[in-house]
Amino acid sequence: MLNYLTLIFLCQLLGEIGVGLLDLPIPGPVLGMVLLFLFLLVRGRVPAPLGEVAGGLQGAMSLLFVPAGAGVILHFELLGTALAPLGAALVVSTLLTIAVTGLLMQWLGRSDETEASDD
């Protein structure tokens, strides 16, 4: 299991290095996740020990949000001054997400119906 935990952290490190060297506009851990995904695609499956390690990390994920929560409290006054634009962005993005998901599900549902009627 230690090998797979090391693999996860290595992918994150490589993502951070890649973002720093290439000056990419994405977070390093996101690039690291892409690297891990590509590794798993090449491998063709998720090894059971990697699944166990990832599950353990998911179990402790609430602890990983503590620094972000502390940052929100630290900048609470700044958030208060930008409450209207942040609230509007949150509402608009939520409505757009719901609309796009609904339209995509309708479109995918039609494809399934067409395939079923062709058989």
PDB file of N, CA and C in Angstrom:
ATOM      1  N   MET A   1       0.813  -1.197   0.000  1.00  0.00           N
ATOM      2  CA  MET A   1       0.000   0.000   0.000  1.00  0.00           C
ATOM      3  C   MET A   1       0.858   1.264   0.000  1.00  0.00           C
ATOM      4  N   LEU A   2       2.000   1.173   0.641  1.00  0.00           N
ATOM      5  CA  LEU A   2       2.889   2.329   0.689  1.00  0.00           C
ATOM      6  C   LEU A   2       3.346   2.716  -0.718  1.00  0.00           C
ATOM      7  N   ASN A   3       3.518   1.725  -1.575  1.00  0.00           N
ATOM      8  CA  ASN A   3       3.920   2.003  -2.955  1.00  0.00           C
ATOM      9  C   ASN A   3       2.870   2.842  -3.679  1.00  0.00           C
ATOM     10  N   TYR A   4       1.597   2.515  -3.458  1.00  0.00           N
ATOM     11  CA  TYR A   4       0.532   3.228  -4.153  1.00  0.00           C
ATOM     12  C   TYR A   4       0.301   4.620  -3.556  1.00  0.00           C
ATOM     13  N   LEU A   5       0.497   4.766  -2.262  1.00  0.00           N
ATOM     14  CA  LEU A   5       0.422   6.093  -1.659  1.00  0.00           C
ATOM     15  C   LEU A   5       1.550   6.965  -2.214  1.00  0.00           C
ATOM     16  N   THR A   6       2.719   6.361  -2.367  1.00  0.00           N
ATOM     17  CA  THR A   6       3.843   7.070  -2.967  1.00  0.00           C
ATOM     18  C   THR A   6       3.528   7.450  -4.414  1.00  0.00           C
ATOM     19  N   LEU A   7       2.869   6.551  -5.148  1.00  0.00           N
ATOM     20  CA  LEU A   7       2.485   6.841  -6.525  1.00  0.00           C
ATOM     21  C   LEU A   7       1.543   8.045  -6.589  1.00  0.00           C
ATOM     22  N   ILE A   8       0.568   8.108  -5.695  1.00  0.00           N
ATOM     23  CA  ILE A   8      -0.380   9.225  -5.666  1.00  0.00           C
ATOM     24  C   ILE A   8       0.367  10.533  -5.404  1.00  0.00           C
ATOM     25  N   PHE A   9       1.227  10.527  -4.392  1.00  0.00           N
ATOM     26  CA  PHE A   9       1.976  11.743  -4.070  1.00  0.00           C
ATOM     27  C   PHE A   9       2.979  12.104  -5.166  1.00  0.00           C
ATOM     28  N   LEU A  10       3.550  11.107  -5.814  1.00  0.00           N
ATOM     29  CA  LEU A  10       4.475  11.359  -6.914  1.00  0.00           C
ATOM     30  C   LEU A  10       3.752  12.019  -8.086  1.00  0.00           C
ATOM     31  N   CYS A  11       2.549  11.543  -8.387  1.00  0.00           N
ATOM     32  CA  CYS A  11       1.760  12.167  -9.456  1.00  0.00           C
ATOM     33  C   CYS A  11       1.436  13.617  -9.105  1.00  0.00           C
ATOM     34  N   GLN A  12       1.107  13.862  -7.846  1.00  0.00           N
ATOM     35  CA  GLN A  12       0.826  15.242  -7.432  1.00  0.00           C
ATOM     36  C   GLN A  12       2.087  16.097  -7.565  1.00  0.00           C
ATOM     37  N   LEU A  13       3.220  15.569  -7.144  1.00  0.00           N
ATOM     38  CA  LEU A  13       4.488  16.301  -7.254  1.00  0.00           C
ATOM     39  C   LEU A  13       4.829  16.594  -8.708  1.00  0.00           C
ATOM     40  N   LEU A  14       4.680  15.595  -9.570  1.00  0.00           N
ATOM     41  CA  LEU A  14       4.955  15.805 -10.987  1.00  0.00           C
ATOM     42  C   LEU A  14       3.996  16.831 -11.586  1.00  0.00           C
ATOM     43  N   GLY A  15       2.758  16.827 -11.114  1.00  0.00           N
ATOM     44  CA  GLY A  15       1.802  17.830 -11.569  1.00  0.00           C
ATOM     45  C   GLY A  15       2.223  19.226 -11.158  1.00  0.00           C
ATOM     46  N   GLU A  16       2.674  19.384  -9.918  1.00  0.00           N
ATOM     47  CA  GLU A  16       3.140  20.691  -9.447  1.00  0.00           C
ATOM     48  C   GLU A  16       4.367  21.148 -10.235  1.00  0.00           C
ATOM     49  N   ILE A  17       5.284  20.224 -10.474  1.00  0.00           N
ATOM     50  CA  ILE A  17       6.491  20.565 -11.241  1.00  0.00           C
ATOM     51  C   ILE A  17       6.116  20.934 -12.669  1.00  0.00           C
ATOM     52  N   GLY A  18       5.231  20.159 -13.279  1.00  0.00           N
ATOM     53  CA  GLY A  18       4.803  20.434 -14.650  1.00  0.00           C
ATOM     54  C   GLY A  18       4.137  21.787 -14.791  1.00  0.00           C
ATOM     55  N   VAL A  19       3.261  22.116 -13.839  1.00  0.00           N
ATOM     56  CA  VAL A  19       2.587  23.416 -13.878  1.00  0.00           C
ATOM     57  C   VAL A  19       3.598  24.547 -13.708  1.00  0.00           C
ATOM     58  N   GLY A  20       4.559  24.338 -12.816  1.00  0.00           N
ATOM     59  CA  GLY A  20       5.578  25.364 -12.599  1.00  0.00           C
ATOM     60  C   GLY A  20       6.481  25.561 -13.812  1.00  0.00           C
ATOM     61  N   LEU A  21       6.902  24.473 -14.442  1.00  0.00           N
ATOM     62  CA  LEU A  21       7.803  24.568 -15.586  1.00  0.00           C
ATOM     63  C   LEU A  21       7.104  25.077 -16.841  1.00  0.00           C
ATOM     64  N   LEU A  22       5.870  24.617 -17.044  1.00  0.00           N
ATOM     65  CA  LEU A  22       5.151  24.969 -18.267  1.00  0.00           C
ATOM     66  C   LEU A  22       4.264  26.191 -18.112  1.00  0.00           C
ATOM     67  N   ASP A  23       4.208  26.736 -16.899  1.00  0.00           N
ATOM     68  CA  ASP A  23       3.388  27.915 -16.606  1.00  0.00           C
ATOM     69  C   ASP A  23       1.938  27.697 -17.043  1.00  0.00           C
ATOM     70  N   LEU A  24       1.388  26.548 -16.661  1.00  0.00           N
ATOM     71  CA  LEU A  24       0.014  26.202 -17.023  1.00  0.00           C
ATOM     72  C   LEU A  24      -0.971  26.882 -16.076  1.00  0.00           C
ATOM     73  N   PRO A  25      -2.166  27.223 -16.572  1.00  0.00           N
ATOM     74  CA  PRO A  25      -3.147  27.919 -15.735  1.00  0.00           C
ATOM     75  C   PRO A  25      -4.052  26.977 -14.936  1.00  0.00           C
ATOM     76  N   ILE A  26      -3.567  25.794 -14.605  1.00  0.00           N
ATOM     77  CA  ILE A  26      -4.362  24.840 -13.813  1.00  0.00           C
ATOM     78  C   ILE A  26      -3.580  24.488 -12.553  1.00  0.00           C
ATOM     79  N   PRO A  27      -4.280  24.040 -11.516  1.00  0.00           N
ATOM     80  CA  PRO A  27      -3.575  23.638 -10.293  1.00  0.00           C
ATOM     81  C   PRO A  27      -2.732  22.381 -10.533  1.00  0.00           C
ATOM     82  N   GLY A  28      -1.617  22.298  -9.843  1.00  0.00           N
ATOM     83  CA  GLY A  28      -0.736  21.143  -9.956  1.00  0.00           C
ATOM     84  C   GLY A  28      -1.404  19.814  -9.626  1.00  0.00           C
ATOM     85  N   PRO A  29      -2.225  19.750  -8.550  1.00  0.00           N
ATOM     86  CA  PRO A  29      -2.877  18.483  -8.248  1.00  0.00           C
ATOM     87  C   PRO A  29      -3.829  18.002  -9.351  1.00  0.00           C
ATOM     88  N   VAL A  30      -4.406  18.941 -10.108  1.00  0.00           N
ATOM     89  CA  VAL A  30      -5.284  18.533 -11.215  1.00  0.00           C
ATOM     90  C   VAL A  30      -4.449  17.864 -12.307  1.00  0.00           C
ATOM     91  N   LEU A  31      -3.309  18.444 -12.626  1.00  0.00           N
ATOM     92  CA  LEU A  31      -2.420  17.815 -13.601  1.00  0.00           C
ATOM     93  C   LEU A  31      -1.927  16.469 -13.073  1.00  0.00           C
ATOM     94  N   GLY A  32      -1.658  16.391 -11.782  1.00  0.00           N
ATOM     95  CA  GLY A  32      -1.257  15.126 -11.178  1.00  0.00           C
ATOM     96  C   GLY A  32      -2.343  14.067 -11.299  1.00  0.00           C
ATOM     97  N   MET A  33      -3.604  14.487 -11.135  1.00  0.00           N
ATOM     98  CA  MET A  33      -4.715  13.551 -11.294  1.00  0.00           C
ATOM     99  C   MET A  33      -4.798  13.037 -12.722  1.00  0.00           C
ATOM    100  N   VAL A  34      -4.549  13.933 -13.684  1.00  0.00           N
ATOM    101  CA  VAL A  34      -4.549  13.528 -15.092  1.00  0.00           C
ATOM    102  C   VAL A  34      -3.430  12.515 -15.336  1.00  0.00           C
ATOM    103  N   LEU A  35      -2.275  12.753 -14.754  1.00  0.00           N
ATOM    104  CA  LEU A  35      -1.164  11.805 -14.905  1.00  0.00           C
ATOM    105  C   LEU A  35      -1.513  10.449 -14.301  1.00  0.00           C
ATOM    106  N   LEU A  36      -2.135  10.450 -13.128  1.00  0.00           N
ATOM    107  CA  LEU A  36      -2.550   9.189 -12.506  1.00  0.00           C
ATOM    108  C   LEU A  36      -3.595   8.488 -13.367  1.00  0.00           C
ATOM    109  N   PHE A  37      -4.521   9.253 -13.927  1.00  0.00           N
ATOM    110  CA  PHE A  37      -5.542   8.679 -14.806  1.00  0.00           C
ATOM    111  C   PHE A  37      -4.898   8.036 -16.030  1.00  0.00           C
ATOM    112  N   LEU A  38      -3.924   8.721 -16.626  1.00  0.00           N
ATOM    113  CA  LEU A  38      -3.236   8.155 -17.791  1.00  0.00           C
ATOM    114  C   LEU A  38      -2.490   6.875 -17.424  1.00  0.00           C
ATOM    115  N   PHE A  39      -1.888   6.871 -16.246  1.00  0.00           N
ATOM    116  CA  PHE A  39      -1.220   5.659 -15.769  1.00  0.00           C
ATOM    117  C   PHE A  39      -2.211   4.505 -15.663  1.00  0.00           C
ATOM    118  N   LEU A  40      -3.391   4.795 -15.129  1.00  0.00           N
ATOM    119  CA  LEU A  40      -4.394   3.748 -14.982  1.00  0.00           C
ATOM    120  C   LEU A  40      -4.951   3.301 -16.327  1.00  0.00           C
ATOM    121  N   LEU A  41      -5.050   4.222 -17.287  1.00  0.00           N
ATOM    122  CA  LEU A  41      -5.485   3.833 -18.628  1.00  0.00           C
ATOM    123  C   LEU A  41      -4.492   2.876 -19.268  1.00  0.00           C
ATOM    124  N   VAL A  42      -3.218   3.188 -19.128  1.00  0.00           N
ATOM    125  CA  VAL A  42      -2.182   2.311 -19.686  1.00  0.00           C
ATOM    126  C   VAL A  42      -2.227   0.954 -18.998  1.00  0.00           C
ATOM    127  N   ARG A  43      -2.428   0.981 -17.715  1.00  0.00           N
ATOM    128  CA  ARG A  43      -2.476  -0.257 -16.925  1.00  0.00           C
ATOM    129  C   ARG A  43      -3.718  -1.080 -17.237  1.00  0.00           C
ATOM    130  N   GLY A  44      -4.820  -0.399 -17.562  1.00  0.00           N
ATOM    131  CA  GLY A  44      -6.044  -1.099 -17.933  1.00  0.00           C
ATOM    132  C   GLY A  44      -6.982  -1.403 -16.789  1.00  0.00           C
ATOM    133  N   ARG A  45      -6.551  -1.177 -15.574  1.00  0.00           N
ATOM    134  CA  ARG A  45      -7.409  -1.440 -14.408  1.00  0.00           C
ATOM    135  C   ARG A  45      -6.846  -0.707 -13.204  1.00  0.00           C
ATOM    136  N   VAL A  46      -7.662  -0.619 -12.172  1.00  0.00           N
ATOM    137  CA  VAL A  46      -7.214  -0.020 -10.913  1.00  0.00           C
ATOM    138  C   VAL A  46      -6.785  -1.161  -9.988  1.00  0.00           C
ATOM    139  N   PRO A  47      -5.531  -1.210  -9.601  1.00  0.00           N
ATOM    140  CA  PRO A  47      -5.095  -2.266  -8.678  1.00  0.00           C
ATOM    141  C   PRO A  47      -5.846  -2.159  -7.346  1.00  0.00           C
ATOM    142  N   ALA A  48      -6.171  -3.292  -6.764  1.00  0.00           N
ATOM    143  CA  ALA A  48      -6.934  -3.306  -5.510  1.00  0.00           C
ATOM    144  C   ALA A  48      -6.256  -2.499  -4.399  1.00  0.00           C
ATOM    145  N   PRO A  49      -4.932  -2.618  -4.211  1.00  0.00           N
ATOM    146  CA  PRO A  49      -4.315  -1.809  -3.148  1.00  0.00           C
ATOM    147  C   PRO A  49      -4.436  -0.300  -3.401  1.00  0.00           C
ATOM    148  N   LEU A  50      -4.400   0.124  -4.667  1.00  0.00           N
ATOM    149  CA  LEU A  50      -4.570   1.540  -4.979  1.00  0.00           C
ATOM    150  C   LEU A  50      -5.986   1.985  -4.621  1.00  0.00           C
ATOM    151  N   GLY A  51      -6.963   1.146  -4.887  1.00  0.00           N
ATOM    152  CA  GLY A  51      -8.337   1.449  -4.507  1.00  0.00           C
ATOM    153  C   GLY A  51      -8.490   1.584  -3.006  1.00  0.00           C
ATOM    154  N   GLU A  52      -7.800   0.733  -2.251  1.00  0.00           N
ATOM    155  CA  GLU A  52      -7.859   0.811  -0.789  1.00  0.00           C
ATOM    156  C   GLU A  52      -7.217   2.097  -0.277  1.00  0.00           C
ATOM    157  N   VAL A  53      -6.070   2.458  -0.849  1.00  0.00           N
ATOM    158  CA  VAL A  53      -5.390   3.693  -0.435  1.00  0.00           C
ATOM    159  C   VAL A  53      -6.256   4.898  -0.767  1.00  0.00           C
ATOM    160  N   ALA A  54      -6.826   4.921  -1.973  1.00  0.00           N
ATOM    161  CA  ALA A  54      -7.682   6.045  -2.370  1.00  0.00           C
ATOM    162  C   ALA A  54      -8.909   6.126  -1.471  1.00  0.00           C
ATOM    163  N   GLY A  55      -9.480   4.981  -1.112  1.00  0.00           N
ATOM    164  CA  GLY A  55     -10.625   4.972  -0.205  1.00  0.00           C
ATOM    165  C   GLY A  55     -10.269   5.522   1.166  1.00  0.00           C
ATOM    166  N   GLY A  56      -9.086   5.175   1.642  1.00  0.00           N
ATOM    167  CA  GLY A  56      -8.632   5.709   2.926  1.00  0.00           C
ATOM    168  C   GLY A  56      -8.445   7.213   2.887  1.00  0.00           C
ATOM    169  N   LEU A  57      -7.904   7.712   1.773  1.00  0.00           N
ATOM    170  CA  LEU A  57      -7.742   9.158   1.628  1.00  0.00           C
ATOM    171  C   LEU A  57      -9.102   9.851   1.546  1.00  0.00           C
ATOM    172  N   GLN A  58     -10.059   9.225   0.874  1.00  0.00           N
ATOM    173  CA  GLN A  58     -11.401   9.802   0.806  1.00  0.00           C
ATOM    174  C   GLN A  58     -12.039   9.869   2.183  1.00  0.00           C
ATOM    175  N   GLY A  59     -11.766   8.885   3.006  1.00  0.00           N
ATOM    176  CA  GLY A  59     -12.312   8.881   4.360  1.00  0.00           C
ATOM    177  C   GLY A  59     -11.812  10.038   5.196  1.00  0.00           C
ATOM    178  N   ALA A  60     -10.606  10.515   4.896  1.00  0.00           N
ATOM    179  CA  ALA A  60     -10.023  11.628   5.646  1.00  0.00           C
ATOM    180  C   ALA A  60     -10.141  12.946   4.893  1.00  0.00           C
ATOM    181  N   MET A  61     -10.952  12.986   3.852  1.00  0.00           N
ATOM    182  CA  MET A  61     -11.016  14.176   3.015  1.00  0.00           C
ATOM    183  C   MET A  61     -11.532  15.402   3.764  1.00  0.00           C
ATOM    184  N   SER A  62     -12.395  15.211   4.735  1.00  0.00           N
ATOM    185  CA  SER A  62     -12.912  16.376   5.470  1.00  0.00           C
ATOM    186  C   SER A  62     -11.773  17.135   6.155  1.00  0.00           C
ATOM    187  N   LEU A  63     -10.740  16.429   6.562  1.00  0.00           N
ATOM    188  CA  LEU A  63      -9.592  17.105   7.174  1.00  0.00           C
ATOM    189  C   LEU A  63      -8.854  17.988   6.181  1.00  0.00           C
ATOM    190  N   LEU A  64      -8.926  17.628   4.899  1.00  0.00           N
ATOM    191  CA  LEU A  64      -8.212  18.394   3.880  1.00  0.00           C
ATOM    192  C   LEU A  64      -8.884  19.738   3.604  1.00  0.00           C
ATOM    193  N   PHE A  65     -10.139  19.899   4.030  1.00  0.00           N
ATOM    194  CA  PHE A  65     -10.846  21.162   3.811  1.00  0.00           C
ATOM    195  C   PHE A  65     -10.654  22.149   4.952  1.00  0.00           C
ATOM    196  N   VAL A  66      -9.999  21.743   6.014  1.00  0.00           N
ATOM    197  CA  VAL A  66      -9.775  22.646   7.148  1.00  0.00           C
ATOM    198  C   VAL A  66      -8.967  23.874   6.736  1.00  0.00           C
ATOM    199  N   PRO A  67      -7.860  23.746   6.000  1.00  0.00           N
ATOM    200  CA  PRO A  67      -7.127  24.958   5.597  1.00  0.00           C
ATOM    201  C   PRO A  67      -7.972  25.897   4.728  1.00  0.00           C
ATOM    202  N   ALA A  68      -8.784  25.341   3.847  1.00  0.00           N
ATOM    203  CA  ALA A  68      -9.636  26.192   3.006  1.00  0.00           C
ATOM    204  C   ALA A  68     -10.666  26.920   3.866  1.00  0.00           C
ATOM    205  N   GLY A  69     -11.231  26.226   4.825  1.00  0.00           N
ATOM    206  CA  GLY A  69     -12.194  26.867   5.731  1.00  0.00           C
ATOM    207  C   GLY A  69     -11.550  27.965   6.548  1.00  0.00           C
ATOM    208  N   ALA A  70     -10.326  27.740   6.989  1.00  0.00           N
ATOM    209  CA  ALA A  70      -9.609  28.772   7.741  1.00  0.00           C
ATOM    210  C   ALA A  70      -9.324  29.979   6.849  1.00  0.00           C
ATOM    211  N   GLY A  71      -9.018  29.744   5.580  1.00  0.00           N
ATOM    212  CA  GLY A  71      -8.788  30.833   4.641  1.00  0.00           C
ATOM    213  C   GLY A  71     -10.050  31.649   4.405  1.00  0.00           C
ATOM    214  N   VAL A  72     -11.188  30.974   4.355  1.00  0.00           N
ATOM    215  CA  VAL A  72     -12.455  31.688   4.183  1.00  0.00           C
ATOM    216  C   VAL A  72     -12.717  32.582   5.379  1.00  0.00           C
ATOM    217  N   ILE A  73     -12.497  32.066   6.575  1.00  0.00           N
ATOM    218  CA  ILE A  73     -12.718  32.870   7.776  1.00  0.00           C
ATOM    219  C   ILE A  73     -11.723  34.027   7.826  1.00  0.00           C
ATOM    220  N   LEU A  74     -10.495  33.790   7.412  1.00  0.00           N
ATOM    221  CA  LEU A  74      -9.475  34.831   7.419  1.00  0.00           C
ATOM    222  C   LEU A  74      -9.855  35.991   6.495  1.00  0.00           C
ATOM    223  N   HIS A  75     -10.475  35.680   5.359  1.00  0.00           N
ATOM    224  CA  HIS A  75     -10.845  36.693   4.376  1.00  0.00           C
ATOM    225  C   HIS A  75     -12.356  36.940   4.361  1.00  0.00           C
ATOM    226  N   PHE A  76     -12.994  36.777   5.497  1.00  0.00           N
ATOM    227  CA  PHE A  76     -14.449  36.903   5.588  1.00  0.00           C
ATOM    228  C   PHE A  76     -14.914  38.297   5.177  1.00  0.00           C
ATOM    229  N   GLU A  77     -14.178  39.324   5.563  1.00  0.00           N
ATOM    230  CA  GLU A  77     -14.568  40.697   5.220  1.00  0.00           C
ATOM    231  C   GLU A  77     -14.515  40.904   3.701  1.00  0.00           C
ATOM    232  N   LEU A  78     -13.494  40.369   3.060  1.00  0.00           N
ATOM    233  CA  LEU A  78     -13.374  40.472   1.613  1.00  0.00           C
ATOM    234  C   LEU A  78     -14.533  39.761   0.920  1.00  0.00           C
ATOM    235  N   LEU A  79     -14.893  38.600   1.435  1.00  0.00           N
ATOM    236  CA  LEU A  79     -16.028  37.868   0.866  1.00  0.00           C
ATOM    237  C   LEU A  79     -17.323  38.646   1.046  1.00  0.00           C
ATOM    238  N   GLY A  80     -17.448  39.335   2.171  1.00  0.00           N
ATOM    239  CA  GLY A  80     -18.648  40.133   2.424  1.00  0.00           C
ATOM    240  C   GLY A  80     -18.806  41.263   1.428  1.00  0.00           C
ATOM    241  N   THR A  81     -17.712  41.890   1.037  1.00  0.00           N
ATOM    242  CA  THR A  81     -17.799  42.990   0.077  1.00  0.00           C
ATOM    243  C   THR A  81     -18.126  42.485  -1.327  1.00  0.00           C
ATOM    244  N   ALA A  82     -17.805  41.237  -1.627  1.00  0.00           N
ATOM    245  CA  ALA A  82     -18.073  40.664  -2.947  1.00  0.00           C
ATOM    246  C   ALA A  82     -19.240  39.681  -2.906  1.00  0.00           C
ATOM    247  N   LEU A  83     -20.126  39.841  -1.932  1.00  0.00           N
ATOM    248  CA  LEU A  83     -21.217  38.879  -1.745  1.00  0.00           C
ATOM    249  C   LEU A  83     -22.159  38.839  -2.943  1.00  0.00           C
ATOM    250  N   ALA A  84     -22.552  39.986  -3.477  1.00  0.00           N
ATOM    251  CA  ALA A  84     -23.493  40.004  -4.600  1.00  0.00           C
ATOM    252  C   ALA A  84     -22.923  39.317  -5.842  1.00  0.00           C
ATOM    253  N   PRO A  85     -21.705  39.654  -6.297  1.00  0.00           N
ATOM    254  CA  PRO A  85     -21.189  38.959  -7.484  1.00  0.00           C
ATOM    255  C   PRO A  85     -20.954  37.470  -7.242  1.00  0.00           C
ATOM    256  N   LEU A  86     -20.487  37.120  -6.040  1.00  0.00           N
ATOM    257  CA  LEU A  86     -20.270  35.701  -5.745  1.00  0.00           C
ATOM    258  C   LEU A  86     -21.587  34.939  -5.717  1.00  0.00           C
ATOM    259  N   GLY A  87     -22.598  35.551  -5.089  1.00  0.00           N
ATOM    260  CA  GLY A  87     -23.924  34.913  -5.037  1.00  0.00           C
ATOM    261  C   GLY A  87     -24.518  34.748  -6.419  1.00  0.00           C
ATOM    262  N   ALA A  88     -24.399  35.786  -7.253  1.00  0.00           N
ATOM    263  CA  ALA A  88     -24.927  35.701  -8.617  1.00  0.00           C
ATOM    264  C   ALA A  88     -24.196  34.623  -9.411  1.00  0.00           C
ATOM    265  N   ALA A  89     -22.878  34.569  -9.282  1.00  0.00           N
ATOM    266  CA  ALA A  89     -22.109  33.555  -9.999  1.00  0.00           C
ATOM    267  C   ALA A  89     -22.504  32.148  -9.542  1.00  0.00           C
ATOM    268  N   LEU A  90     -22.737  31.995  -8.266  1.00  0.00           N
ATOM    269  CA  LEU A  90     -23.134  30.691  -7.734  1.00  0.00           C
ATOM    270  C   LEU A  90     -24.492  30.269  -8.269  1.00  0.00           C
ATOM    271  N   VAL A  91     -25.459  31.177  -8.261  1.00  0.00           N
ATOM    272  CA  VAL A  91     -26.808  30.855  -8.743  1.00  0.00           C
ATOM    273  C   VAL A  91     -26.785  30.570 -10.241  1.00  0.00           C
ATOM    274  N   VAL A  92     -26.126  31.433 -11.023  1.00  0.00           N
ATOM    275  CA  VAL A  92     -26.084  31.246 -12.478  1.00  0.00           C
ATOM    276  C   VAL A  92     -25.372  29.953 -12.844  1.00  0.00           C
ATOM    277  N   SER A  93     -24.243  29.674 -12.212  1.00  0.00           N
ATOM    278  CA  SER A  93     -23.506  28.453 -12.548  1.00  0.00           C
ATOM    279  C   SER A  93     -24.291  27.201 -12.153  1.00  0.00           C
ATOM    280  N   THR A  94     -25.019  27.273 -11.044  1.00  0.00           N
ATOM    281  CA  THR A  94     -25.844  26.125 -10.643  1.00  0.00           C
ATOM    282  C   THR A  94     -26.966  25.891 -11.642  1.00  0.00           C
ATOM    283  N   LEU A  95     -27.654  26.952 -12.048  1.00  0.00           N
ATOM    284  CA  LEU A  95     -28.739  26.811 -13.022  1.00  0.00           C
ATOM    285  C   LEU A  95     -28.220  26.316 -14.371  1.00  0.00           C
ATOM    286  N   LEU A  96     -27.079  26.830 -14.810  1.00  0.00           N
ATOM    287  CA  LEU A  96     -26.492  26.353 -16.064  1.00  0.00           C
ATOM    288  C   LEU A  96     -26.107  24.882 -15.987  1.00  0.00           C
ATOM    289  N   THR A  97     -25.561  24.480 -14.863  1.00  0.00           N
ATOM    290  CA  THR A  97     -25.182  23.074 -14.686  1.00  0.00           C
ATOM    291  C   THR A  97     -26.403  22.171 -14.748  1.00  0.00           C
ATOM    292  N   ILE A  98     -27.479  22.571 -14.084  1.00  0.00           N
ATOM    293  CA  ILE A  98     -28.716  21.781 -14.113  1.00  0.00           C
ATOM    294  C   ILE A  98     -29.269  21.719 -15.529  1.00  0.00           C
ATOM    295  N   ALA A  99     -29.280  22.856 -16.239  1.00  0.00           N
ATOM    296  CA  ALA A  99     -29.819  22.884 -17.601  1.00  0.00           C
ATOM    297  C   ALA A  99     -28.989  22.016 -18.548  1.00  0.00           C
ATOM    298  N   VAL A 100     -27.673  22.142 -18.490  1.00  0.00           N
ATOM    299  CA  VAL A 100     -26.808  21.355 -19.379  1.00  0.00           C
ATOM    300  C   VAL A 100     -26.931  19.869 -19.065  1.00  0.00           C
ATOM    301  N   THR A 101     -26.997  19.522 -17.790  1.00  0.00           N
ATOM    302  CA  THR A 101     -27.147  18.114 -17.415  1.00  0.00           C
ATOM    303  C   THR A 101     -28.473  17.558 -17.923  1.00  0.00           C
ATOM    304  N   GLY A 102     -29.550  18.328 -17.767  1.00  0.00           N
ATOM    305  CA  GLY A 102     -30.856  17.882 -18.258  1.00  0.00           C
ATOM    306  C   GLY A 102     -30.864  17.696 -19.764  1.00  0.00           C
ATOM    307  N   LEU A 103     -30.318  18.661 -20.499  1.00  0.00           N
ATOM    308  CA  LEU A 103     -30.276  18.551 -21.955  1.00  0.00           C
ATOM    309  C   LEU A 103     -29.411  17.367 -22.397  1.00  0.00           C
ATOM    310  N   LEU A 104     -28.306  17.167 -21.731  1.00  0.00           N
ATOM    311  CA  LEU A 104     -27.429  16.044 -22.062  1.00  0.00           C
ATOM    312  C   LEU A 104     -28.126  14.708 -21.792  1.00  0.00           C
ATOM    313  N   MET A 105     -28.845  14.629 -20.697  1.00  0.00           N
ATOM    314  CA  MET A 105     -29.570  13.385 -20.387  1.00  0.00           C
ATOM    315  C   MET A 105     -30.673  13.124 -21.411  1.00  0.00           C
ATOM    316  N   GLN A 106     -31.370  14.171 -21.851  1.00  0.00           N
ATOM    317  CA  GLN A 106     -32.374  13.998 -22.904  1.00  0.00           C
ATOM    318  C   GLN A 106     -31.725  13.501 -24.185  1.00  0.00           C
ATOM    319  N   TRP A 107     -30.612  14.115 -24.554  1.00  0.00           N
ATOM    320  CA  TRP A 107     -29.929  13.734 -25.781  1.00  0.00           C
ATOM    321  C   TRP A 107     -29.432  12.289 -25.714  1.00  0.00           C
ATOM    322  N   LEU A 108     -28.842  11.925 -24.579  1.00  0.00           N
ATOM    323  CA  LEU A 108     -28.355  10.553 -24.416  1.00  0.00           C
ATOM    324  C   LEU A 108     -29.510   9.561 -24.365  1.00  0.00           C
ATOM    325  N   GLY A 109     -30.635   9.964 -23.780  1.00  0.00           N
ATOM    326  CA  GLY A 109     -31.811   9.095 -23.732  1.00  0.00           C
ATOM    327  C   GLY A 109     -32.369   8.819 -25.110  1.00  0.00           C
ATOM    328  N   ARG A 110     -32.348   9.817 -25.982  1.00  0.00           N
ATOM    329  CA  ARG A 110     -32.817   9.628 -27.359  1.00  0.00           C
ATOM    330  C   ARG A 110     -31.918   8.657 -28.099  1.00  0.00           C
ATOM    331  N   SER A 111     -30.626   8.719 -27.860  1.00  0.00           N
ATOM    332  CA  SER A 111     -29.698   7.801 -28.522  1.00  0.00           C
ATOM    333  C   SER A 111     -29.992   6.363 -28.124  1.00  0.00           C
ATOM    334  N   ASP A 112     -30.292   6.142 -26.840  1.00  0.00           N
ATOM    335  CA  ASP A 112     -30.621   4.791 -26.373  1.00  0.00           C
ATOM    336  C   ASP A 112     -31.927   4.294 -26.989  1.00  0.00           C
ATOM    337  N   GLU A 113     -32.921   5.175 -27.103  1.00  0.00           N
ATOM    338  CA  GLU A 113     -34.208   4.792 -27.692  1.00  0.00           C
ATOM    339  C   GLU A 113     -34.035   4.447 -29.160  1.00  0.00           C
ATOM    340  N   THR A 114     -33.222   5.206 -29.884  1.00  0.00           N
ATOM    341  CA  THR A 114     -32.985   4.948 -31.301  1.00  0.00           C
ATOM    342  C   THR A 114     -32.295   3.612 -31.496  1.00  0.00           C
ATOM    343  N   GLU A 115     -31.311   3.301 -30.666  1.00  0.00           N
ATOM    344  CA  GLU A 115     -30.603   2.029 -30.766  1.00  0.00           C
ATOM    345  C   GLU A 115     -31.528   0.869 -30.437  1.00  0.00           C
ATOM    346  N   ALA A 116     -32.428   1.042 -29.460  1.00  0.00           N
ATOM    347  CA  ALA A 116     -33.344  -0.021 -29.065  1.00  0.00           C
ATOM    348  C   ALA A 116     -34.354  -0.293 -30.164  1.00  0.00           C
ATOM    349  N   SER A 117     -34.813   0.739 -30.859  1.00  0.00           N
ATOM    350  CA  SER A 117     -35.802   0.541 -31.925  1.00  0.00           C
ATOM    351  C   SER A 117     -35.163  -0.050 -33.171  1.00  0.00           C
ATOM    352  N   ASP A 118     -33.860   0.143 -33.359  1.00  0.00           N
ATOM    353  CA  ASP A 118     -33.168  -0.419 -34.510  1.00  0.00           C
ATOM    354  C   ASP A 118     -32.965  -1.925 -34.368  1.00  0.00           C
ATOM    355  N   ASP A 119     -32.939  -2.425 -33.144  1.00  0.00           N
ATOM    356  CA  ASP A 119     -32.693  -3.854 -32.908  1.00  0.00           C
ATOM    357  C   ASP A 119     -33.908  -4.623 -33.202  1.00  0.00           C
TER     358      ASP A 119
END
